[in-house]
Amino acid sequence: MTRPQADTTAPLLLLAAFSLLPFLLEDWQRAELTRYFAYMLFAASTAWVWGHCGLLSFGQAVFFGMGAYAMGLASSDAHAGLQGMAALVTGMAGGTLAAVLLAFCIGRVFLSGRQAAGPHFAIATLAISLVAEHTLTSSPLLGGANGLLGISLLEFDWAIRLGLPPDWVAYFLGLAVLACGAGLLVHAARHPWGIALQAIRTHPLRAEALGLDLGRERRRAYMLGAATAAAAGAFFVTQFGFAAPSLAGPAFSAEVIIWVALGGRKHIVTACLGALIVRGTETWLTGPAEVYRPLLLGLAFILVVLRYPEGLLAAAGRRLARRAAGQGPR
């Protein structure tokens, strides 16, 4: 069995490219790309849970929403009202911890047994996502249907003293969050534990015969995916300044599945790029074309799944790798 994500060249090249991009972009483009980092990390968490571990979840947005609301409660003037590093640490730590605990509880109930990763789990997570969105909508403490508003954007005293522009600080902070989160998932996929998870996904009966505890390993993997999704949600709030119930709803979970399917669900890096390309394309769909955005996204998803089940970007990357190796296209 080959090790997934074995080549670290592409991730490092992408990190270098994103480090240089802000020097080439306009201010509004740099701000837009900063917001996309949250979506990219969210896609990475979904690719880990779905593509690598074989757990199709329609409730991954629940953890994204938990991170978003935790950061909102930490930095909103109507609640804790923390600023700077205190808000960042409190919001991310609180959201991540809450997401991990919830993922553990879900895993204990729905990820025990050999067949736990099938359609029953997908349906259960869909129901959990519906309940989460309804709970947030009905909670006056959390802003109800309007969500948490008036969330202060992150500002750091040390950056102000050094005269660093806030948008540049936000950009490299988002890049660091994305690099750490996605890098952790890539490392986990290459680790022997990640190889064991791949074996559980492809041959659960054989993996169990070899002594692997399927339920325990799936729960651990699910908790890691929940933690990275919560971190993505927490950073999202620092850039958009609000947290809405829809961030935890099934529609958002379904949307990120489309991003990952287009990029390549078994490759964390291409899943991130899939989110970047889809969200970037949606930004340009203004005017009359914006009305047809869901239709266009759905058609693209169907075409890619039928023609490139491994993902469009993953298929393109594999073809380029074969050409570079002198094997030619197949």
C-alpha atoms as a PDB file:
ATOM      1  CA  MET A   1       0.000   0.000   0.000  1.00  0.00           C
ATOM      2  CA  THR A   2       1.432   3.361  -1.024  1.00  0.00           C
ATOM      3  CA  ARG A   3       1.677   6.201   1.397  1.00  0.00           C
ATOM      4  CA  PRO A   4      -0.817   9.002   0.697  1.00  0.00           C
ATOM      5  CA  GLN A   5       0.450  12.565   0.463  1.00  0.00           C
ATOM      6  CA  ALA A   6       3.986  11.205   0.244  1.00  0.00           C
ATOM      7  CA  ASP A   7       5.315  14.119  -1.804  1.00  0.00           C
ATOM      8  CA  THR A   8       5.784  17.293   0.222  1.00  0.00           C
ATOM      9  CA  THR A   9       7.087  19.330  -2.716  1.00  0.00           C
ATOM     10  CA  ALA A  10       3.676  20.575  -3.873  1.00  0.00           C
ATOM     11  CA  PRO A  11       2.537  21.769  -0.410  1.00  0.00           C
ATOM     12  CA  LEU A  12       5.802  23.623   0.147  1.00  0.00           C
ATOM     13  CA  LEU A  13       5.638  25.249  -3.274  1.00  0.00           C
ATOM     14  CA  LEU A  14       2.073  26.351  -2.619  1.00  0.00           C
ATOM     15  CA  LEU A  15       3.061  27.772   0.763  1.00  0.00           C
ATOM     16  CA  ALA A  16       5.866  29.732  -0.883  1.00  0.00           C
ATOM     17  CA  ALA A  17       3.501  30.987  -3.586  1.00  0.00           C
ATOM     18  CA  PHE A  18       0.921  32.159  -1.053  1.00  0.00           C
ATOM     19  CA  SER A  19       3.701  33.870   0.918  1.00  0.00           C
ATOM     20  CA  LEU A  20       4.662  35.906  -2.155  1.00  0.00           C
ATOM     21  CA  LEU A  21       1.160  36.574  -3.494  1.00  0.00           C
ATOM     22  CA  PRO A  22       0.288  39.527  -1.198  1.00  0.00           C
ATOM     23  CA  PHE A  23       3.116  41.526  -2.741  1.00  0.00           C
ATOM     24  CA  LEU A  24       1.508  41.108  -6.174  1.00  0.00           C
ATOM     25  CA  LEU A  25      -2.145  41.664  -5.311  1.00  0.00           C
ATOM     26  CA  GLU A  26      -4.296  44.726  -4.844  1.00  0.00           C
ATOM     27  CA  ASP A  27      -5.590  45.471  -1.344  1.00  0.00           C
ATOM     28  CA  TRP A  28      -9.088  44.110  -2.031  1.00  0.00           C
ATOM     29  CA  GLN A  29      -7.674  40.966  -3.649  1.00  0.00           C
ATOM     30  CA  ARG A  30      -5.427  40.347  -0.660  1.00  0.00           C
ATOM     31  CA  ALA A  31      -8.362  40.784   1.713  1.00  0.00           C
ATOM     32  CA  GLU A  32     -10.496  38.393  -0.352  1.00  0.00           C
ATOM     33  CA  LEU A  33      -7.784  35.747  -0.409  1.00  0.00           C
ATOM     34  CA  THR A  34      -7.403  36.071   3.369  1.00  0.00           C
ATOM     35  CA  ARG A  35     -11.064  35.123   3.774  1.00  0.00           C
ATOM     36  CA  TYR A  36     -10.610  32.122   1.504  1.00  0.00           C
ATOM     37  CA  PHE A  37      -8.056  30.604   3.892  1.00  0.00           C
ATOM     38  CA  ALA A  38     -10.886  29.658   6.271  1.00  0.00           C
ATOM     39  CA  TYR A  39     -12.756  27.900   3.468  1.00  0.00           C
ATOM     40  CA  MET A  40      -9.599  26.069   2.395  1.00  0.00           C
ATOM     41  CA  LEU A  41      -8.947  24.733   5.888  1.00  0.00           C
ATOM     42  CA  PHE A  42     -12.590  23.693   6.156  1.00  0.00           C
ATOM     43  CA  ALA A  43     -12.194  21.772   2.893  1.00  0.00           C
ATOM     44  CA  ALA A  44      -9.025  20.128   4.236  1.00  0.00           C
ATOM     45  CA  SER A  45     -10.896  18.882   7.302  1.00  0.00           C
ATOM     46  CA  THR A  46     -13.659  17.450   5.107  1.00  0.00           C
ATOM     47  CA  ALA A  47     -11.144  15.759   2.803  1.00  0.00           C
ATOM     48  CA  TRP A  48      -9.522  14.162   5.844  1.00  0.00           C
ATOM     49  CA  VAL A  49     -12.794  12.861   7.273  1.00  0.00           C
ATOM     50  CA  TRP A  50     -14.404  11.839   3.992  1.00  0.00           C
ATOM     51  CA  GLY A  51     -11.592  11.074   1.575  1.00  0.00           C
ATOM     52  CA  HIS A  52      -8.942   9.635   3.838  1.00  0.00           C
ATOM     53  CA  CYS A  53     -11.058   8.063   6.578  1.00  0.00           C
ATOM     54  CA  GLY A  54     -14.134   7.161   4.531  1.00  0.00           C
ATOM     55  CA  LEU A  55     -16.613   8.997   6.789  1.00  0.00           C
ATOM     56  CA  LEU A  56     -19.056  10.890   4.601  1.00  0.00           C
ATOM     57  CA  SER A  57     -20.373  13.568   6.936  1.00  0.00           C
ATOM     58  CA  PHE A  58     -23.171  16.009   6.172  1.00  0.00           C
ATOM     59  CA  GLY A  59     -22.540  17.662   9.507  1.00  0.00           C
ATOM     60  CA  GLN A  60     -18.959  18.873   9.216  1.00  0.00           C
ATOM     61  CA  ALA A  61     -20.263  22.434   9.242  1.00  0.00           C
ATOM     62  CA  VAL A  62     -21.463  21.893  12.826  1.00  0.00           C
ATOM     63  CA  PHE A  63     -17.842  22.037  13.976  1.00  0.00           C
ATOM     64  CA  PHE A  64     -17.113  25.013  11.723  1.00  0.00           C
ATOM     65  CA  GLY A  65     -20.067  26.780  13.313  1.00  0.00           C
ATOM     66  CA  MET A  66     -18.894  25.893  16.815  1.00  0.00           C
ATOM     67  CA  GLY A  67     -15.545  27.495  16.135  1.00  0.00           C
ATOM     68  CA  ALA A  68     -17.241  30.548  14.631  1.00  0.00           C
ATOM     69  CA  TYR A  69     -19.585  31.050  17.586  1.00  0.00           C
ATOM     70  CA  ALA A  70     -16.811  30.441  20.123  1.00  0.00           C
ATOM     71  CA  MET A  71     -14.706  33.150  18.522  1.00  0.00           C
ATOM     72  CA  GLY A  72     -17.764  35.391  18.311  1.00  0.00           C
ATOM     73  CA  LEU A  73     -18.545  34.978  21.996  1.00  0.00           C
ATOM     74  CA  ALA A  74     -14.907  35.661  22.888  1.00  0.00           C
ATOM     75  CA  SER A  75     -14.515  38.827  20.827  1.00  0.00           C
ATOM     76  CA  SER A  76     -18.052  40.282  20.663  1.00  0.00           C
ATOM     77  CA  ASP A  77     -18.568  43.491  22.630  1.00  0.00           C
ATOM     78  CA  ALA A  78     -21.883  42.122  23.925  1.00  0.00           C
ATOM     79  CA  HIS A  79     -20.171  39.072  25.454  1.00  0.00           C
ATOM     80  CA  ALA A  80     -16.557  38.590  26.585  1.00  0.00           C
ATOM     81  CA  GLY A  81     -15.245  41.489  24.492  1.00  0.00           C
ATOM     82  CA  LEU A  82     -11.651  40.201  24.361  1.00  0.00           C
ATOM     83  CA  GLN A  83      -9.149  41.755  21.995  1.00  0.00           C
ATOM     84  CA  GLY A  84      -6.048  40.709  20.109  1.00  0.00           C
ATOM     85  CA  MET A  85      -4.196  37.591  21.136  1.00  0.00           C
ATOM     86  CA  ALA A  86      -6.504  36.943  24.103  1.00  0.00           C
ATOM     87  CA  ALA A  87      -9.525  36.773  21.785  1.00  0.00           C
ATOM     88  CA  LEU A  88      -7.684  34.592  19.271  1.00  0.00           C
ATOM     89  CA  VAL A  89      -6.458  32.069  21.825  1.00  0.00           C
ATOM     90  CA  THR A  90      -9.721  31.954  23.778  1.00  0.00           C
ATOM     91  CA  GLY A  91     -11.929  31.664  20.711  1.00  0.00           C
ATOM     92  CA  MET A  92      -9.854  29.043  18.918  1.00  0.00           C
ATOM     93  CA  ALA A  93      -9.169  26.994  22.031  1.00  0.00           C
ATOM     94  CA  GLY A  94     -12.790  27.099  23.179  1.00  0.00           C
ATOM     95  CA  GLY A  95     -14.214  26.264  19.774  1.00  0.00           C
ATOM     96  CA  THR A  96     -11.726  23.478  19.147  1.00  0.00           C
ATOM     97  CA  LEU A  97     -12.293  21.901  22.542  1.00  0.00           C
ATOM     98  CA  ALA A  98     -16.082  22.028  22.180  1.00  0.00           C
ATOM     99  CA  ALA A  99     -15.876  20.536  18.689  1.00  0.00           C
ATOM    100  CA  VAL A 100     -13.614  17.707  19.841  1.00  0.00           C
ATOM    101  CA  LEU A 101     -15.949  16.850  22.716  1.00  0.00           C
ATOM    102  CA  LEU A 102     -18.979  16.798  20.450  1.00  0.00           C
ATOM    103  CA  ALA A 103     -17.132  14.690  17.870  1.00  0.00           C
ATOM    104  CA  PHE A 104     -16.197  12.233  20.614  1.00  0.00           C
ATOM    105  CA  CYS A 105     -19.844  11.921  21.683  1.00  0.00           C
ATOM    106  CA  ILE A 106     -21.019  11.473  18.083  1.00  0.00           C
ATOM    107  CA  GLY A 107     -18.307   8.909  17.506  1.00  0.00           C
ATOM    108  CA  ARG A 108     -19.246   6.925  20.594  1.00  0.00           C
ATOM    109  CA  VAL A 109     -22.815   6.632  19.355  1.00  0.00           C
ATOM    110  CA  PHE A 110     -22.435   6.275  15.598  1.00  0.00           C
ATOM    111  CA  LEU A 111     -18.883   5.030  14.925  1.00  0.00           C
ATOM    112  CA  SER A 112     -18.881   1.717  16.740  1.00  0.00           C
ATOM    113  CA  GLY A 113     -18.870  -1.426  14.660  1.00  0.00           C
ATOM    114  CA  ARG A 114     -17.632  -2.497  11.274  1.00  0.00           C
ATOM    115  CA  GLN A 115     -20.455  -0.935   9.222  1.00  0.00           C
ATOM    116  CA  ALA A 116     -20.631   2.339  11.140  1.00  0.00           C
ATOM    117  CA  ALA A 117     -19.026   4.396   8.365  1.00  0.00           C
ATOM    118  CA  GLY A 118     -21.806   3.693   5.852  1.00  0.00           C
ATOM    119  CA  PRO A 119     -24.949   5.645   4.935  1.00  0.00           C
ATOM    120  CA  HIS A 120     -26.247   5.517   8.506  1.00  0.00           C
ATOM    121  CA  PHE A 121     -23.463   7.833   9.610  1.00  0.00           C
ATOM    122  CA  ALA A 122     -24.157  10.282   6.767  1.00  0.00           C
ATOM    123  CA  ILE A 123     -27.854  10.408   7.673  1.00  0.00           C
ATOM    124  CA  ALA A 124     -27.079  10.817  11.373  1.00  0.00           C
ATOM    125  CA  THR A 125     -24.722  13.740  10.736  1.00  0.00           C
ATOM    126  CA  LEU A 126     -27.317  15.355   8.477  1.00  0.00           C
ATOM    127  CA  ALA A 127     -29.835  15.197  11.316  1.00  0.00           C
ATOM    128  CA  ILE A 128     -27.292  16.587  13.790  1.00  0.00           C
ATOM    129  CA  SER A 129     -26.579  19.492  11.450  1.00  0.00           C
ATOM    130  CA  LEU A 130     -30.286  20.291  11.144  1.00  0.00           C
ATOM    131  CA  VAL A 131     -30.668  20.239  14.920  1.00  0.00           C
ATOM    132  CA  ALA A 132     -27.611  22.475  15.370  1.00  0.00           C
ATOM    133  CA  GLU A 133     -28.875  25.098  12.926  1.00  0.00           C
ATOM    134  CA  HIS A 134     -32.339  25.093  14.489  1.00  0.00           C
ATOM    135  CA  THR A 135     -30.849  25.380  17.988  1.00  0.00           C
ATOM    136  CA  LEU A 136     -28.741  28.385  17.008  1.00  0.00           C
ATOM    137  CA  THR A 137     -31.682  30.027  15.267  1.00  0.00           C
ATOM    138  CA  SER A 138     -33.853  29.598  18.371  1.00  0.00           C
ATOM    139  CA  SER A 139     -31.268  30.803  20.906  1.00  0.00           C
ATOM    140  CA  PRO A 140     -31.603  34.485  21.943  1.00  0.00           C
ATOM    141  CA  LEU A 141     -28.281  34.256  23.782  1.00  0.00           C
ATOM    142  CA  LEU A 142     -26.530  33.471  20.495  1.00  0.00           C
ATOM    143  CA  GLY A 143     -28.373  36.109  18.484  1.00  0.00           C
ATOM    144  CA  GLY A 144     -31.165  33.924  17.155  1.00  0.00           C
ATOM    145  CA  ALA A 145     -31.759  33.984  13.410  1.00  0.00           C
ATOM    146  CA  ASN A 146     -29.566  37.078  13.048  1.00  0.00           C
ATOM    147  CA  GLY A 147     -26.565  35.374  14.616  1.00  0.00           C
ATOM    148  CA  LEU A 148     -23.770  37.111  16.477  1.00  0.00           C
ATOM    149  CA  LEU A 149     -23.108  40.575  15.105  1.00  0.00           C
ATOM    150  CA  GLY A 150     -20.694  43.318  16.017  1.00  0.00           C
ATOM    151  CA  ILE A 151     -17.692  41.010  16.331  1.00  0.00           C
ATOM    152  CA  SER A 152     -14.468  42.994  16.402  1.00  0.00           C
ATOM    153  CA  LEU A 153     -11.823  42.149  13.838  1.00  0.00           C
ATOM    154  CA  LEU A 154      -8.517  41.077  15.319  1.00  0.00           C
ATOM    155  CA  GLU A 155      -5.964  43.783  16.016  1.00  0.00           C
ATOM    156  CA  PHE A 156      -2.649  43.193  17.765  1.00  0.00           C
ATOM    157  CA  ASP A 157      -0.864  45.819  19.837  1.00  0.00           C
ATOM    158  CA  TRP A 158       2.568  44.617  18.770  1.00  0.00           C
ATOM    159  CA  ALA A 159       1.602  44.969  15.084  1.00  0.00           C
ATOM    160  CA  ILE A 160       0.300  48.491  15.688  1.00  0.00           C
ATOM    161  CA  ARG A 161       3.520  49.458  17.476  1.00  0.00           C
ATOM    162  CA  LEU A 162       5.570  48.115  14.580  1.00  0.00           C
ATOM    163  CA  GLY A 163       3.431  49.980  12.070  1.00  0.00           C
ATOM    164  CA  LEU A 164       2.310  46.823  10.267  1.00  0.00           C
ATOM    165  CA  PRO A 165      -0.889  47.171   8.190  1.00  0.00           C
ATOM    166  CA  PRO A 166      -3.741  45.167   9.786  1.00  0.00           C
ATOM    167  CA  ASP A 167      -4.690  43.523   6.486  1.00  0.00           C
ATOM    168  CA  TRP A 168      -1.159  42.179   6.028  1.00  0.00           C
ATOM    169  CA  VAL A 169      -1.151  40.801   9.570  1.00  0.00           C
ATOM    170  CA  ALA A 170      -4.513  39.138   8.942  1.00  0.00           C
ATOM    171  CA  TYR A 171      -3.261  37.626   5.685  1.00  0.00           C
ATOM    172  CA  PHE A 172      -0.198  35.968   7.179  1.00  0.00           C
ATOM    173  CA  LEU A 173      -2.135  34.944  10.282  1.00  0.00           C
ATOM    174  CA  GLY A 174      -4.669  33.184   8.065  1.00  0.00           C
ATOM    175  CA  LEU A 175      -1.904  31.588   6.040  1.00  0.00           C
ATOM    176  CA  ALA A 176      -0.296  30.331   9.245  1.00  0.00           C
ATOM    177  CA  VAL A 177      -3.593  28.865  10.481  1.00  0.00           C
ATOM    178  CA  LEU A 178      -4.134  27.151   7.121  1.00  0.00           C
ATOM    179  CA  ALA A 179      -0.569  25.857   6.927  1.00  0.00           C
ATOM    180  CA  CYS A 180      -0.635  24.474  10.473  1.00  0.00           C
ATOM    181  CA  GLY A 181      -4.073  22.884  10.124  1.00  0.00           C
ATOM    182  CA  ALA A 182      -3.616  21.401   6.664  1.00  0.00           C
ATOM    183  CA  GLY A 183      -0.013  20.469   7.438  1.00  0.00           C
ATOM    184  CA  LEU A 184      -1.162  18.550  10.504  1.00  0.00           C
ATOM    185  CA  LEU A 185      -3.654  16.603   8.388  1.00  0.00           C
ATOM    186  CA  VAL A 186      -1.076  15.874   5.681  1.00  0.00           C
ATOM    187  CA  HIS A 187       1.355  14.663   8.346  1.00  0.00           C
ATOM    188  CA  ALA A 188      -1.345  12.494   9.915  1.00  0.00           C
ATOM    189  CA  ALA A 189      -2.120  10.975   6.506  1.00  0.00           C
ATOM    190  CA  ARG A 190       1.552  10.030   6.046  1.00  0.00           C
ATOM    191  CA  HIS A 191       1.924   8.722   9.597  1.00  0.00           C
ATOM    192  CA  PRO A 192       1.496   4.993  10.314  1.00  0.00           C
ATOM    193  CA  TRP A 193      -1.778   5.919  11.990  1.00  0.00           C
ATOM    194  CA  GLY A 194      -2.923   7.442   8.706  1.00  0.00           C
ATOM    195  CA  ILE A 195      -1.942   4.275   6.867  1.00  0.00           C
ATOM    196  CA  ALA A 196      -4.004   2.272   9.361  1.00  0.00           C
ATOM    197  CA  LEU A 197      -6.985   4.564   8.762  1.00  0.00           C
ATOM    198  CA  GLN A 198      -6.632   4.033   5.044  1.00  0.00           C
ATOM    199  CA  ALA A 199      -6.674   0.280   5.635  1.00  0.00           C
ATOM    200  CA  ILE A 200      -9.800   0.634   7.775  1.00  0.00           C
ATOM    201  CA  ARG A 201     -11.457   2.612   5.004  1.00  0.00           C
ATOM    202  CA  THR A 202     -10.646   0.156   2.218  1.00  0.00           C
ATOM    203  CA  HIS A 203     -10.643  -3.207   4.035  1.00  0.00           C
ATOM    204  CA  PRO A 204     -12.365  -2.894   7.440  1.00  0.00           C
ATOM    205  CA  LEU A 205     -12.710  -6.667   7.909  1.00  0.00           C
ATOM    206  CA  ARG A 206      -9.007  -7.291   7.322  1.00  0.00           C
ATOM    207  CA  ALA A 207      -8.041  -4.325   9.497  1.00  0.00           C
ATOM    208  CA  GLU A 208     -10.159  -5.674  12.333  1.00  0.00           C
ATOM    209  CA  ALA A 209      -8.632  -9.122  11.901  1.00  0.00           C
ATOM    210  CA  LEU A 210      -5.195  -7.534  12.296  1.00  0.00           C
ATOM    211  CA  GLY A 211      -6.207  -6.185  15.692  1.00  0.00           C
ATOM    212  CA  LEU A 212      -7.214  -2.616  14.875  1.00  0.00           C
ATOM    213  CA  ASP A 213     -10.048  -1.146  16.924  1.00  0.00           C
ATOM    214  CA  LEU A 214     -12.194   0.299  14.134  1.00  0.00           C
ATOM    215  CA  GLY A 215     -14.438   2.385  16.367  1.00  0.00           C
ATOM    216  CA  ARG A 216     -11.606   3.919  18.374  1.00  0.00           C
ATOM    217  CA  GLU A 217      -9.502   4.834  15.337  1.00  0.00           C
ATOM    218  CA  ARG A 218     -12.463   6.310  13.487  1.00  0.00           C
ATOM    219  CA  ARG A 219     -13.413   8.381  16.529  1.00  0.00           C
ATOM    220  CA  ARG A 220      -9.887   9.730  16.840  1.00  0.00           C
ATOM    221  CA  ALA A 221      -9.816  10.650  13.158  1.00  0.00           C
ATOM    222  CA  TYR A 222     -13.241  12.259  13.368  1.00  0.00           C
ATOM    223  CA  MET A 223     -12.142  14.322  16.367  1.00  0.00           C
ATOM    224  CA  LEU A 224      -9.086  15.569  14.461  1.00  0.00           C
ATOM    225  CA  GLY A 225     -11.306  16.613  11.554  1.00  0.00           C
ATOM    226  CA  ALA A 226     -13.644  18.384  13.972  1.00  0.00           C
ATOM    227  CA  ALA A 227     -10.759  20.312  15.540  1.00  0.00           C
ATOM    228  CA  THR A 228      -9.477  21.621  12.198  1.00  0.00           C
ATOM    229  CA  ALA A 229     -12.991  22.560  11.064  1.00  0.00           C
ATOM    230  CA  ALA A 230     -13.506  24.516  14.297  1.00  0.00           C
ATOM    231  CA  ALA A 231     -10.202  26.350  13.788  1.00  0.00           C
ATOM    232  CA  ALA A 232     -11.369  27.276  10.292  1.00  0.00           C
ATOM    233  CA  GLY A 233     -14.654  28.607  11.663  1.00  0.00           C
ATOM    234  CA  ALA A 234     -12.886  30.638  14.326  1.00  0.00           C
ATOM    235  CA  PHE A 235     -10.644  32.334  11.775  1.00  0.00           C
ATOM    236  CA  PHE A 236     -13.643  32.905   9.499  1.00  0.00           C
ATOM    237  CA  VAL A 237     -15.279  35.071  12.147  1.00  0.00           C
ATOM    238  CA  THR A 238     -12.172  37.207  12.579  1.00  0.00           C
ATOM    239  CA  GLN A 239     -12.483  38.264   8.923  1.00  0.00           C
ATOM    240  CA  PHE A 240     -16.234  38.480   8.373  1.00  0.00           C
ATOM    241  CA  GLY A 241     -17.255  39.888  11.756  1.00  0.00           C
ATOM    242  CA  PHE A 242     -20.382  37.761  12.192  1.00  0.00           C
ATOM    243  CA  ALA A 243     -21.491  34.210  13.004  1.00  0.00           C
ATOM    244  CA  ALA A 244     -24.792  32.993  11.548  1.00  0.00           C
ATOM    245  CA  PRO A 245     -26.750  29.772  12.186  1.00  0.00           C
ATOM    246  CA  SER A 246     -26.325  28.763   8.543  1.00  0.00           C
ATOM    247  CA  LEU A 247     -22.615  28.239   9.198  1.00  0.00           C
ATOM    248  CA  ALA A 248     -23.550  25.078  11.122  1.00  0.00           C
ATOM    249  CA  GLY A 249     -26.296  23.955   8.760  1.00  0.00           C
ATOM    250  CA  PRO A 250     -26.495  21.060   6.284  1.00  0.00           C
ATOM    251  CA  ALA A 251     -26.431  23.360   3.234  1.00  0.00           C
ATOM    252  CA  PHE A 252     -22.928  24.543   4.107  1.00  0.00           C
ATOM    253  CA  SER A 253     -21.823  20.958   4.784  1.00  0.00           C
ATOM    254  CA  ALA A 254     -23.107  19.914   1.361  1.00  0.00           C
ATOM    255  CA  GLU A 255     -21.360  22.857  -0.272  1.00  0.00           C
ATOM    256  CA  VAL A 256     -17.959  21.966   1.155  1.00  0.00           C
ATOM    257  CA  ILE A 257     -18.444  18.378  -0.032  1.00  0.00           C
ATOM    258  CA  ILE A 258     -18.789  19.777  -3.553  1.00  0.00           C
ATOM    259  CA  TRP A 259     -15.583  21.783  -3.158  1.00  0.00           C
ATOM    260  CA  VAL A 260     -13.730  18.699  -1.998  1.00  0.00           C
ATOM    261  CA  ALA A 261     -15.188  16.476  -4.718  1.00  0.00           C
ATOM    262  CA  LEU A 262     -14.081  18.953  -7.382  1.00  0.00           C
ATOM    263  CA  GLY A 263     -10.596  19.255  -5.956  1.00  0.00           C
ATOM    264  CA  GLY A 264     -10.062  15.626  -4.965  1.00  0.00           C
ATOM    265  CA  ARG A 265     -11.355  14.093  -1.767  1.00  0.00           C
ATOM    266  CA  LYS A 266      -8.360  11.807  -1.228  1.00  0.00           C
ATOM    267  CA  HIS A 267      -5.825  14.624  -1.482  1.00  0.00           C
ATOM    268  CA  ILE A 268      -5.864  17.310   1.178  1.00  0.00           C
ATOM    269  CA  VAL A 269      -3.909  19.855  -0.862  1.00  0.00           C
ATOM    270  CA  THR A 270      -6.109  19.585  -3.960  1.00  0.00           C
ATOM    271  CA  ALA A 271      -9.200  19.762  -1.743  1.00  0.00           C
ATOM    272  CA  CYS A 272      -7.936  23.115  -0.433  1.00  0.00           C
ATOM    273  CA  LEU A 273      -7.386  24.323  -3.991  1.00  0.00           C
ATOM    274  CA  GLY A 274     -10.860  23.137  -4.936  1.00  0.00           C
ATOM    275  CA  ALA A 275     -12.332  25.394  -2.261  1.00  0.00           C
ATOM    276  CA  LEU A 276     -10.186  28.288  -3.445  1.00  0.00           C
ATOM    277  CA  ILE A 277     -11.206  27.887  -7.093  1.00  0.00           C
ATOM    278  CA  VAL A 278     -14.922  27.426  -6.398  1.00  0.00           C
ATOM    279  CA  ARG A 279     -15.151  30.338  -3.981  1.00  0.00           C
ATOM    280  CA  GLY A 280     -13.052  32.493  -6.285  1.00  0.00           C
ATOM    281  CA  THR A 281     -15.283  31.661  -9.235  1.00  0.00           C
ATOM    282  CA  GLU A 282     -18.405  32.448  -7.217  1.00  0.00           C
ATOM    283  CA  THR A 283     -17.004  35.892  -6.472  1.00  0.00           C
ATOM    284  CA  TRP A 284     -16.961  36.681 -10.179  1.00  0.00           C
ATOM    285  CA  LEU A 285     -20.527  35.423 -10.718  1.00  0.00           C
ATOM    286  CA  THR A 286     -22.296  38.713 -10.201  1.00  0.00           C
ATOM    287  CA  GLY A 287     -25.464  40.096 -11.682  1.00  0.00           C
ATOM    288  CA  PRO A 288     -27.749  37.654 -13.543  1.00  0.00           C
ATOM    289  CA  ALA A 289     -25.198  34.823 -13.336  1.00  0.00           C
ATOM    290  CA  GLU A 290     -25.315  34.893  -9.536  1.00  0.00           C
ATOM    291  CA  VAL A 291     -28.899  33.587  -9.580  1.00  0.00           C
ATOM    292  CA  TYR A 292     -27.708  30.430 -11.313  1.00  0.00           C
ATOM    293  CA  ARG A 293     -24.785  29.825  -8.965  1.00  0.00           C
ATOM    294  CA  PRO A 294     -26.321  26.758  -7.221  1.00  0.00           C
ATOM    295  CA  LEU A 295     -27.324  25.281 -10.580  1.00  0.00           C
ATOM    296  CA  LEU A 296     -23.866  25.794 -12.067  1.00  0.00           C
ATOM    297  CA  LEU A 297     -22.200  24.384  -8.971  1.00  0.00           C
ATOM    298  CA  GLY A 298     -24.451  21.328  -8.997  1.00  0.00           C
ATOM    299  CA  LEU A 299     -23.866  20.677 -12.708  1.00  0.00           C
ATOM    300  CA  ALA A 300     -20.114  20.989 -12.249  1.00  0.00           C
ATOM    301  CA  PHE A 301     -20.274  18.536  -9.353  1.00  0.00           C
ATOM    302  CA  ILE A 302     -22.231  15.978 -11.403  1.00  0.00           C
ATOM    303  CA  LEU A 303     -19.935  16.266 -14.419  1.00  0.00           C
ATOM    304  CA  VAL A 304     -16.767  15.949 -12.370  1.00  0.00           C
ATOM    305  CA  VAL A 305     -18.062  12.981 -10.370  1.00  0.00           C
ATOM    306  CA  LEU A 306     -19.017  11.176 -13.580  1.00  0.00           C
ATOM    307  CA  ARG A 307     -15.853  12.027 -15.510  1.00  0.00           C
ATOM    308  CA  TYR A 308     -13.249  12.425 -12.766  1.00  0.00           C
ATOM    309  CA  PRO A 309     -14.394  10.555  -9.643  1.00  0.00           C
ATOM    310  CA  GLU A 310     -11.013  11.176  -8.006  1.00  0.00           C
ATOM    311  CA  GLY A 311     -11.432  14.941  -8.432  1.00  0.00           C
ATOM    312  CA  LEU A 312     -10.660  17.295 -11.271  1.00  0.00           C
ATOM    313  CA  LEU A 313      -7.559  18.861  -9.727  1.00  0.00           C
ATOM    314  CA  ALA A 314      -6.278  15.519  -8.459  1.00  0.00           C
ATOM    315  CA  ALA A 315      -6.642  14.026 -11.947  1.00  0.00           C
ATOM    316  CA  ALA A 316      -4.854  17.014 -13.498  1.00  0.00           C
ATOM    317  CA  GLY A 317      -2.028  16.745 -10.963  1.00  0.00           C
ATOM    318  CA  ARG A 318      -1.602  13.051 -11.602  1.00  0.00           C
ATOM    319  CA  ARG A 319      -1.453  13.641 -15.354  1.00  0.00           C
ATOM    320  CA  LEU A 320       1.189  16.332 -14.924  1.00  0.00           C
ATOM    321  CA  ALA A 321       3.205  14.032 -12.671  1.00  0.00           C
ATOM    322  CA  ARG A 322       3.136  11.267 -15.287  1.00  0.00           C
ATOM    323  CA  ARG A 323       4.250  13.653 -17.991  1.00  0.00           C
ATOM    324  CA  ALA A 324       7.056  14.940 -15.810  1.00  0.00           C
ATOM    325  CA  ALA A 325       8.151  11.351 -15.250  1.00  0.00           C
ATOM    326  CA  GLY A 326       8.157  10.782 -19.025  1.00  0.00           C
ATOM    327  CA  GLN A 327       5.333   8.246 -18.975  1.00  0.00           C
ATOM    328  CA  GLY A 328       2.920  10.251 -21.100  1.00  0.00           C
ATOM    329  CA  PRO A 329      -0.827  10.576 -20.571  1.00  0.00           C
ATOM    330  CA  ARG A 330      -3.012   7.521 -20.092  1.00  0.00           C
END
